[in-house]
ModelCIF file with pLDDT and N, C-alpha, C, O atoms, coordinates in Angstrom:
data_MODEL
#
_entry.id   MODEL 
#
_entity.id                         1 
_entity.type                       polymer 
_entity.pdbx_number_of_molecules   1 
#
_entity_poly.entity_id                      1 
_entity_poly.type                           'polypeptide(L)' 
_entity_poly.nstd_linkage                   no 
_entity_poly.nstd_monomer                   no 
_entity_poly.pdbx_seq_one_letter_code       RYWTRDKVTGALERNPSCHGIPSLYSKMDPKFKAVTD 
_entity_poly.pdbx_seq_one_letter_code_can   RYWTRDKVTGALERNPSCHGIPSLYSKMDPKFKAVTD 
_entity_poly.pdbx_strand_id                 A 
#
loop_
_entity_poly_seq.entity_id 
_entity_poly_seq.num 
_entity_poly_seq.mon_id 
_entity_poly_seq.hetero 
1 1  ARG n 
1 2  TYR n 
1 3  TRP n 
1 4  THR n 
1 5  ARG n 
1 6  ASP n 
1 7  LYS n 
1 8  VAL n 
1 9  THR n 
1 10 GLY n 
1 11 ALA n 
1 12 LEU n 
1 13 GLU n 
1 14 ARG n 
1 15 ASN n 
1 16 PRO n 
1 17 SER n 
1 18 CYS n 
1 19 HIS n 
1 20 GLY n 
1 21 ILE n 
1 22 PRO n 
1 23 SER n 
1 24 LEU n 
1 25 TYR n 
1 26 SER n 
1 27 LYS n 
1 28 MET n 
1 29 ASP n 
1 30 PRO n 
1 31 LYS n 
1 32 PHE n 
1 33 LYS n 
1 34 ALA n 
1 35 VAL n 
1 36 THR n 
1 37 ASP n 
#
_struct_asym.id          A 
_struct_asym.entity_id   1 
#
loop_
_ma_qa_metric.id 
_ma_qa_metric.mode 
_ma_qa_metric.name 
_ma_qa_metric.software_group_id 
_ma_qa_metric.type 
1 global pLDDT . pLDDT 
2 local  pLDDT . pLDDT 
#
_ma_qa_metric_global.metric_id      1 
_ma_qa_metric_global.metric_value   93.19 
_ma_qa_metric_global.model_id       1 
_ma_qa_metric_global.ordinal_id     1 
#
loop_
_ma_qa_metric_local.label_asym_id 
_ma_qa_metric_local.label_comp_id 
_ma_qa_metric_local.label_seq_id 
_ma_qa_metric_local.metric_id 
_ma_qa_metric_local.metric_value 
_ma_qa_metric_local.model_id 
_ma_qa_metric_local.ordinal_id 
A ARG 1  2 97.00 1 1  
A TYR 2  2 96.00 1 2  
A TRP 3  2 95.00 1 3  
A THR 4  2 93.00 1 4  
A ARG 5  2 89.00 1 5  
A ASP 6  2 85.00 1 6  
A LYS 7  2 83.00 1 7  
A VAL 8  2 86.00 1 8  
A THR 9  2 93.00 1 9  
A GLY 10 2 89.00 1 10 
A ALA 11 2 92.00 1 11 
A LEU 12 2 90.00 1 12 
A GLU 13 2 92.00 1 13 
A ARG 14 2 92.00 1 14 
A ASN 15 2 95.00 1 15 
A PRO 16 2 94.00 1 16 
A SER 17 2 95.00 1 17 
A CYS 18 2 95.00 1 18 
A HIS 19 2 95.00 1 19 
A GLY 20 2 94.00 1 20 
A ILE 21 2 96.00 1 21 
A PRO 22 2 96.00 1 22 
A SER 23 2 94.00 1 23 
A LEU 24 2 93.00 1 24 
A TYR 25 2 96.00 1 25 
A SER 26 2 95.00 1 26 
A LYS 27 2 94.00 1 27 
A MET 28 2 95.00 1 28 
A ASP 29 2 93.00 1 29 
A PRO 30 2 92.00 1 30 
A LYS 31 2 94.00 1 31 
A PHE 32 2 96.00 1 32 
A LYS 33 2 93.00 1 33 
A ALA 34 2 96.00 1 34 
A VAL 35 2 96.00 1 35 
A THR 36 2 95.00 1 36 
A ASP 37 2 94.00 1 37 
#
loop_
_atom_site.group_PDB 
_atom_site.id 
_atom_site.type_symbol 
_atom_site.label_atom_id 
_atom_site.label_alt_id 
_atom_site.label_comp_id 
_atom_site.label_asym_id 
_atom_site.label_entity_id 
_atom_site.label_seq_id 
_atom_site.pdbx_PDB_ins_code 
_atom_site.Cartn_x 
_atom_site.Cartn_y 
_atom_site.Cartn_z 
_atom_site.occupancy 
_atom_site.B_iso_or_equiv 
_atom_site.pdbx_formal_charge 
_atom_site.auth_seq_id 
_atom_site.auth_comp_id 
_atom_site.auth_asym_id 
_atom_site.auth_atom_id 
_atom_site.pdbx_PDB_model_num 
ATOM 1   N N  . ARG A 1 1  ? 10.941  -1.615  -7.547 1.00 97.00 ? 1  ARG A N  1 
ATOM 2   C CA . ARG A 1 1  ? 10.841  -3.072  -7.545 1.00 97.00 ? 1  ARG A CA 1 
ATOM 3   C C  . ARG A 1 1  ? 9.418   -3.522  -7.609 1.00 97.00 ? 1  ARG A C  1 
ATOM 4   O O  . ARG A 1 1  ? 8.500   -2.778  -7.266 1.00 97.00 ? 1  ARG A O  1 
ATOM 5   N N  . TYR A 1 2  ? 9.230   -4.749  -8.052 1.00 96.00 ? 2  TYR A N  1 
ATOM 6   C CA . TYR A 1 2  ? 7.886   -5.335  -8.093 1.00 96.00 ? 2  TYR A CA 1 
ATOM 7   C C  . TYR A 1 2  ? 7.595   -5.957  -6.711 1.00 96.00 ? 2  TYR A C  1 
ATOM 8   O O  . TYR A 1 2  ? 6.500   -5.784  -6.177 1.00 96.00 ? 2  TYR A O  1 
ATOM 9   N N  . TRP A 1 3  ? 8.531   -6.648  -6.157 1.00 95.00 ? 3  TRP A N  1 
ATOM 10  C CA . TRP A 1 3  ? 8.401   -7.314  -4.869 1.00 95.00 ? 3  TRP A CA 1 
ATOM 11  C C  . TRP A 1 3  ? 9.216   -6.582  -3.787 1.00 95.00 ? 3  TRP A C  1 
ATOM 12  O O  . TRP A 1 3  ? 10.268  -6.009  -4.070 1.00 95.00 ? 3  TRP A O  1 
ATOM 13  N N  . THR A 1 4  ? 8.727   -6.614  -2.588 1.00 93.00 ? 4  THR A N  1 
ATOM 14  C CA . THR A 1 4  ? 9.469   -6.147  -1.452 1.00 93.00 ? 4  THR A CA 1 
ATOM 15  C C  . THR A 1 4  ? 9.130   -7.041  -0.251 1.00 93.00 ? 4  THR A C  1 
ATOM 16  O O  . THR A 1 4  ? 8.270   -7.913  -0.378 1.00 93.00 ? 4  THR A O  1 
ATOM 17  N N  . ARG A 1 5  ? 9.752   -6.862  0.868  1.00 89.00 ? 5  ARG A N  1 
ATOM 18  C CA . ARG A 1 5  ? 9.466   -7.669  2.048  1.00 89.00 ? 5  ARG A CA 1 
ATOM 19  C C  . ARG A 1 5  ? 8.916   -6.816  3.179  1.00 89.00 ? 5  ARG A C  1 
ATOM 20  O O  . ARG A 1 5  ? 9.361   -5.690  3.404  1.00 89.00 ? 5  ARG A O  1 
ATOM 21  N N  . ASP A 1 6  ? 7.972   -7.354  3.862  1.00 85.00 ? 6  ASP A N  1 
ATOM 22  C CA . ASP A 1 6  ? 7.402   -6.694  5.041  1.00 85.00 ? 6  ASP A CA 1 
ATOM 23  C C  . ASP A 1 6  ? 8.462   -6.504  6.059  1.00 85.00 ? 6  ASP A C  1 
ATOM 24  O O  . ASP A 1 6  ? 9.190   -7.441  6.388  1.00 85.00 ? 6  ASP A O  1 
ATOM 25  N N  . LYS A 1 7  ? 8.573   -5.267  6.588  1.00 83.00 ? 7  LYS A N  1 
ATOM 26  C CA . LYS A 1 7  ? 9.665   -4.957  7.525  1.00 83.00 ? 7  LYS A CA 1 
ATOM 27  C C  . LYS A 1 7  ? 9.556   -5.740  8.849  1.00 83.00 ? 7  LYS A C  1 
ATOM 28  O O  . LYS A 1 7  ? 10.554  -5.925  9.546  1.00 83.00 ? 7  LYS A O  1 
ATOM 29  N N  . VAL A 1 8  ? 8.344   -6.193  9.186  1.00 86.00 ? 8  VAL A N  1 
ATOM 30  C CA . VAL A 1 8  ? 8.139   -6.883  10.466 1.00 86.00 ? 8  VAL A CA 1 
ATOM 31  C C  . VAL A 1 8  ? 8.223   -8.395  10.267 1.00 86.00 ? 8  VAL A C  1 
ATOM 32  O O  . VAL A 1 8  ? 8.980   -9.074  10.961 1.00 86.00 ? 8  VAL A O  1 
ATOM 33  N N  . THR A 1 9  ? 7.436   -8.928  9.308  1.00 93.00 ? 9  THR A N  1 
ATOM 34  C CA . THR A 1 9  ? 7.377   -10.369 9.159  1.00 93.00 ? 9  THR A CA 1 
ATOM 35  C C  . THR A 1 9  ? 8.365   -10.943 8.149  1.00 93.00 ? 9  THR A C  1 
ATOM 36  O O  . THR A 1 9  ? 8.674   -12.134 8.166  1.00 93.00 ? 9  THR A O  1 
ATOM 37  N N  . GLY A 1 10 ? 8.846   -10.080 7.281  1.00 89.00 ? 10 GLY A N  1 
ATOM 38  C CA . GLY A 1 10 ? 9.780   -10.566 6.226  1.00 89.00 ? 10 GLY A CA 1 
ATOM 39  C C  . GLY A 1 10 ? 9.029   -11.235 5.054  1.00 89.00 ? 10 GLY A C  1 
ATOM 40  O O  . GLY A 1 10 ? 9.664   -11.747 4.132  1.00 89.00 ? 10 GLY A O  1 
ATOM 41  N N  . ALA A 1 11 ? 7.699   -11.232 5.085  1.00 92.00 ? 11 ALA A N  1 
ATOM 42  C CA . ALA A 1 11 ? 6.920   -11.869 4.079  1.00 92.00 ? 11 ALA A CA 1 
ATOM 43  C C  . ALA A 1 11 ? 7.015   -11.045 2.756  1.00 92.00 ? 11 ALA A C  1 
ATOM 44  O O  . ALA A 1 11 ? 7.100   -9.817  2.761  1.00 92.00 ? 11 ALA A O  1 
ATOM 45  N N  . LEU A 1 12 ? 6.994   -11.778 1.661  1.00 90.00 ? 12 LEU A N  1 
ATOM 46  C CA . LEU A 1 12 ? 7.047   -11.147 0.338  1.00 90.00 ? 12 LEU A CA 1 
ATOM 47  C C  . LEU A 1 12 ? 5.744   -10.470 0.039  1.00 90.00 ? 12 LEU A C  1 
ATOM 48  O O  . LEU A 1 12 ? 4.686   -11.056 0.266  1.00 90.00 ? 12 LEU A O  1 
ATOM 49  N N  . GLU A 1 13 ? 5.777   -9.223  -0.474 1.00 92.00 ? 13 GLU A N  1 
ATOM 50  C CA . GLU A 1 13 ? 4.581   -8.487  -0.782 1.00 92.00 ? 13 GLU A CA 1 
ATOM 51  C C  . GLU A 1 13 ? 4.835   -7.518  -1.913 1.00 92.00 ? 13 GLU A C  1 
ATOM 52  O O  . GLU A 1 13 ? 5.987   -7.232  -2.240 1.00 92.00 ? 13 GLU A O  1 
ATOM 53  N N  . ARG A 1 14 ? 3.768   -7.007  -2.519 1.00 92.00 ? 14 ARG A N  1 
ATOM 54  C CA . ARG A 1 14 ? 3.883   -6.110  -3.680 1.00 92.00 ? 14 ARG A CA 1 
ATOM 55  C C  . ARG A 1 14 ? 4.384   -4.770  -3.158 1.00 92.00 ? 14 ARG A C  1 
ATOM 56  O O  . ARG A 1 14 ? 3.936   -4.261  -2.131 1.00 92.00 ? 14 ARG A O  1 
ATOM 57  N N  . ASN A 1 15 ? 5.331   -4.224  -3.911 1.00 95.00 ? 15 ASN A N  1 
ATOM 58  C CA . ASN A 1 15 ? 5.808   -2.845  -3.694 1.00 95.00 ? 15 ASN A CA 1 
ATOM 59  C C  . ASN A 1 15 ? 4.667   -1.915  -4.151 1.00 95.00 ? 15 ASN A C  1 
ATOM 60  O O  . ASN A 1 15 ? 4.071   -2.182  -5.195 1.00 95.00 ? 15 ASN A O  1 
ATOM 61  N N  . PRO A 1 16 ? 4.336   -0.836  -3.416 1.00 94.00 ? 16 PRO A N  1 
ATOM 62  C CA . PRO A 1 16 ? 3.254   0.033   -3.839 1.00 94.00 ? 16 PRO A CA 1 
ATOM 63  C C  . PRO A 1 16 ? 3.557   0.776   -5.131 1.00 94.00 ? 16 PRO A C  1 
ATOM 64  O O  . PRO A 1 16 ? 4.678   1.241   -5.337 1.00 94.00 ? 16 PRO A O  1 
ATOM 65  N N  . SER A 1 17 ? 2.562   0.888   -6.000 1.00 95.00 ? 17 SER A N  1 
ATOM 66  C CA . SER A 1 17 ? 2.704   1.709   -7.227 1.00 95.00 ? 17 SER A CA 1 
ATOM 67  C C  . SER A 1 17 ? 2.382   3.135   -6.856 1.00 95.00 ? 17 SER A C  1 
ATOM 68  O O  . SER A 1 17 ? 1.886   3.402   -5.762 1.00 95.00 ? 17 SER A O  1 
ATOM 69  N N  . CYS A 1 18 ? 2.667   4.071   -7.777 1.00 95.00 ? 18 CYS A N  1 
ATOM 70  C CA . CYS A 1 18 ? 2.365   5.495   -7.478 1.00 95.00 ? 18 CYS A CA 1 
ATOM 71  C C  . CYS A 1 18 ? 0.861   5.756   -7.409 1.00 95.00 ? 18 CYS A C  1 
ATOM 72  O O  . CYS A 1 18 ? 0.434   6.736   -6.798 1.00 95.00 ? 18 CYS A O  1 
ATOM 73  N N  . HIS A 1 19 ? 0.053   4.889   -8.030 1.00 95.00 ? 19 HIS A N  1 
ATOM 74  C CA . HIS A 1 19 ? -1.383  5.036   -7.883 1.00 95.00 ? 19 HIS A CA 1 
ATOM 75  C C  . HIS A 1 19 ? -1.840  4.401   -6.558 1.00 95.00 ? 19 HIS A C  1 
ATOM 76  O O  . HIS A 1 19 ? -2.914  4.723   -6.049 1.00 95.00 ? 19 HIS A O  1 
ATOM 77  N N  . GLY A 1 20 ? -1.032  3.514   -6.016 1.00 94.00 ? 20 GLY A N  1 
ATOM 78  C CA . GLY A 1 20 ? -1.396  2.856   -4.751 1.00 94.00 ? 20 GLY A CA 1 
ATOM 79  C C  . GLY A 1 20 ? -0.954  3.643   -3.517 1.00 94.00 ? 20 GLY A C  1 
ATOM 80  O O  . GLY A 1 20 ? -1.490  3.450   -2.426 1.00 94.00 ? 20 GLY A O  1 
ATOM 81  N N  . ILE A 1 21 ? 0.008   4.515   -3.692 1.00 96.00 ? 21 ILE A N  1 
ATOM 82  C CA . ILE A 1 21 ? 0.537   5.284   -2.560 1.00 96.00 ? 21 ILE A CA 1 
ATOM 83  C C  . ILE A 1 21 ? -0.483  6.107   -1.816 1.00 96.00 ? 21 ILE A C  1 
ATOM 84  O O  . ILE A 1 21 ? -0.478  6.102   -0.585 1.00 96.00 ? 21 ILE A O  1 
ATOM 85  N N  . PRO A 1 22 ? -1.402  6.850   -2.537 1.00 96.00 ? 22 PRO A N  1 
ATOM 86  C CA . PRO A 1 22 ? -2.375  7.723   -1.770 1.00 96.00 ? 22 PRO A CA 1 
ATOM 87  C C  . PRO A 1 22 ? -3.223  6.953   -0.772 1.00 96.00 ? 22 PRO A C  1 
ATOM 88  O O  . PRO A 1 22 ? -3.549  7.482   0.291  1.00 96.00 ? 22 PRO A O  1 
ATOM 89  N N  . SER A 1 23 ? -3.588  5.711   -1.090 1.00 94.00 ? 23 SER A N  1 
ATOM 90  C CA . SER A 1 23 ? -4.506  4.955   -0.177 1.00 94.00 ? 23 SER A CA 1 
ATOM 91  C C  . SER A 1 23 ? -3.758  4.528   1.098  1.00 94.00 ? 23 SER A C  1 
ATOM 92  O O  . SER A 1 23 ? -4.395  4.155   2.083  1.00 94.00 ? 23 SER A O  1 
ATOM 93  N N  . LEU A 1 24 ? -2.422  4.578   1.091  1.00 93.00 ? 24 LEU A N  1 
ATOM 94  C CA . LEU A 1 24 ? -1.608  4.259   2.265  1.00 93.00 ? 24 LEU A CA 1 
ATOM 95  C C  . LEU A 1 24 ? -1.302  5.493   3.125  1.00 93.00 ? 24 LEU A C  1 
ATOM 96  O O  . LEU A 1 24 ? -0.744  5.369   4.216  1.00 93.00 ? 24 LEU A O  1 
ATOM 97  N N  . TYR A 1 25 ? -1.662  6.654   2.641  1.00 96.00 ? 25 TYR A N  1 
ATOM 98  C CA . TYR A 1 25 ? -1.361  7.914   3.359  1.00 96.00 ? 25 TYR A CA 1 
ATOM 99  C C  . TYR A 1 25 ? -2.255  8.068   4.574  1.00 96.00 ? 25 TYR A C  1 
ATOM 100 O O  . TYR A 1 25 ? -3.464  7.849   4.492  1.00 96.00 ? 25 TYR A O  1 
ATOM 101 N N  . SER A 1 26 ? -1.653  8.455   5.733  1.00 95.00 ? 26 SER A N  1 
ATOM 102 C CA . SER A 1 26 ? -2.403  8.502   7.013  1.00 95.00 ? 26 SER A CA 1 
ATOM 103 C C  . SER A 1 26 ? -3.547  9.487   6.995  1.00 95.00 ? 26 SER A C  1 
ATOM 104 O O  . SER A 1 26 ? -4.542  9.291   7.693  1.00 95.00 ? 26 SER A O  1 
ATOM 105 N N  . LYS A 1 27 ? -3.426  10.563  6.196  1.00 94.00 ? 27 LYS A N  1 
ATOM 106 C CA . LYS A 1 27 ? -4.471  11.602  6.227  1.00 94.00 ? 27 LYS A CA 1 
ATOM 107 C C  . LYS A 1 27 ? -5.590  11.337  5.276  1.00 94.00 ? 27 LYS A C  1 
ATOM 108 O O  . LYS A 1 27 ? -6.546  12.111  5.215  1.00 94.00 ? 27 LYS A O  1 
ATOM 109 N N  . MET A 1 28 ? -5.500  10.239  4.511  1.00 95.00 ? 28 MET A N  1 
ATOM 110 C CA . MET A 1 28 ? -6.514  9.969   3.527  1.00 95.00 ? 28 MET A CA 1 
ATOM 111 C C  . MET A 1 28 ? -7.756  9.334   4.192  1.00 95.00 ? 28 MET A C  1 
ATOM 112 O O  . MET A 1 28 ? -7.636  8.514   5.102  1.00 95.00 ? 28 MET A O  1 
ATOM 113 N N  . ASP A 1 29 ? -8.937  9.731   3.719  1.00 93.00 ? 29 ASP A N  1 
ATOM 114 C CA . ASP A 1 29 ? -10.200 9.164   4.167  1.00 93.00 ? 29 ASP A CA 1 
ATOM 115 C C  . ASP A 1 29 ? -10.188 7.664   3.914  1.00 93.00 ? 29 ASP A C  1 
ATOM 116 O O  . ASP A 1 29 ? -9.910  7.246   2.790  1.00 93.00 ? 29 ASP A O  1 
ATOM 117 N N  . PRO A 1 30 ? -10.481 6.826   4.927  1.00 92.00 ? 30 PRO A N  1 
ATOM 118 C CA . PRO A 1 30 ? -10.512 5.381   4.706  1.00 92.00 ? 30 PRO A CA 1 
ATOM 119 C C  . PRO A 1 30 ? -11.472 4.940   3.572  1.00 92.00 ? 30 PRO A C  1 
ATOM 120 O O  . PRO A 1 30 ? -11.273 3.905   2.937  1.00 92.00 ? 30 PRO A O  1 
ATOM 121 N N  . LYS A 1 31 ? -12.479 5.734   3.353  1.00 94.00 ? 31 LYS A N  1 
ATOM 122 C CA . LYS A 1 31 ? -13.442 5.404   2.254  1.00 94.00 ? 31 LYS A CA 1 
ATOM 123 C C  . LYS A 1 31 ? -12.717 5.452   0.878  1.00 94.00 ? 31 LYS A C  1 
ATOM 124 O O  . LYS A 1 31 ? -13.094 4.748   -0.059 1.00 94.00 ? 31 LYS A O  1 
ATOM 125 N N  . PHE A 1 32 ? -11.687 6.286   0.791  1.00 96.00 ? 32 PHE A N  1 
ATOM 126 C CA . PHE A 1 32 ? -10.912 6.351   -0.469 1.00 96.00 ? 32 PHE A CA 1 
ATOM 127 C C  . PHE A 1 32 ? -10.254 5.009   -0.797 1.00 96.00 ? 32 PHE A C  1 
ATOM 128 O O  . PHE A 1 32 ? -10.317 4.528   -1.928 1.00 96.00 ? 32 PHE A O  1 
ATOM 129 N N  . LYS A 1 33 ? -9.608  4.407   0.239  1.00 93.00 ? 33 LYS A N  1 
ATOM 130 C CA . LYS A 1 33 ? -8.988  3.123   0.002  1.00 93.00 ? 33 LYS A CA 1 
ATOM 131 C C  . LYS A 1 33 ? -10.037 2.059   -0.381 1.00 93.00 ? 33 LYS A C  1 
ATOM 132 O O  . LYS A 1 33 ? -9.796  1.226   -1.255 1.00 93.00 ? 33 LYS A O  1 
ATOM 133 N N  . ALA A 1 34 ? -11.179 2.103   0.276  1.00 96.00 ? 34 ALA A N  1 
ATOM 134 C CA . ALA A 1 34 ? -12.209 1.097   -0.014 1.00 96.00 ? 34 ALA A CA 1 
ATOM 135 C C  . ALA A 1 34 ? -12.702 1.223   -1.462 1.00 96.00 ? 34 ALA A C  1 
ATOM 136 O O  . ALA A 1 34 ? -12.892 0.211   -2.136 1.00 96.00 ? 34 ALA A O  1 
ATOM 137 N N  . VAL A 1 35 ? -12.907 2.439   -1.938 1.00 96.00 ? 35 VAL A N  1 
ATOM 138 C CA . VAL A 1 35 ? -13.424 2.612   -3.239 1.00 96.00 ? 35 VAL A CA 1 
ATOM 139 C C  . VAL A 1 35 ? -12.362 2.282   -4.307 1.00 96.00 ? 35 VAL A C  1 
ATOM 140 O O  . VAL A 1 35 ? -12.701 1.722   -5.349 1.00 96.00 ? 35 VAL A O  1 
ATOM 141 N N  . THR A 1 36 ? -11.079 2.623   -4.063 1.00 95.00 ? 36 THR A N  1 
ATOM 142 C CA . THR A 1 36 ? -10.059 2.316   -5.017 1.00 95.00 ? 36 THR A CA 1 
ATOM 143 C C  . THR A 1 36 ? -9.726  0.828   -5.013 1.00 95.00 ? 36 THR A C  1 
ATOM 144 O O  . THR A 1 36 ? -9.307  0.296   -6.041 1.00 95.00 ? 36 THR A O  1 
ATOM 145 N N  . ASP A 1 37 ? -9.898  0.150   -3.897 1.00 94.00 ? 37 ASP A N  1 
ATOM 146 C CA . ASP A 1 37 ? -9.763  -1.323  -3.861 1.00 94.00 ? 37 ASP A CA 1 
ATOM 147 C C  . ASP A 1 37 ? -10.844 -1.976  -4.699 1.00 94.00 ? 37 ASP A C  1 
ATOM 148 O O  . ASP A 1 37 ? -10.896 -3.203  -4.792 1.00 94.00 ? 37 ASP A O  1 
#
């Protein structure tokens, strides 16, 4: 899907792409998310 809803707030948000998934991974260095953003 393109859109999904936040499980807590119900707010509409973007579904993660497969290039976006790594930055959400708990073991990933926070600097990785910053640089990919």
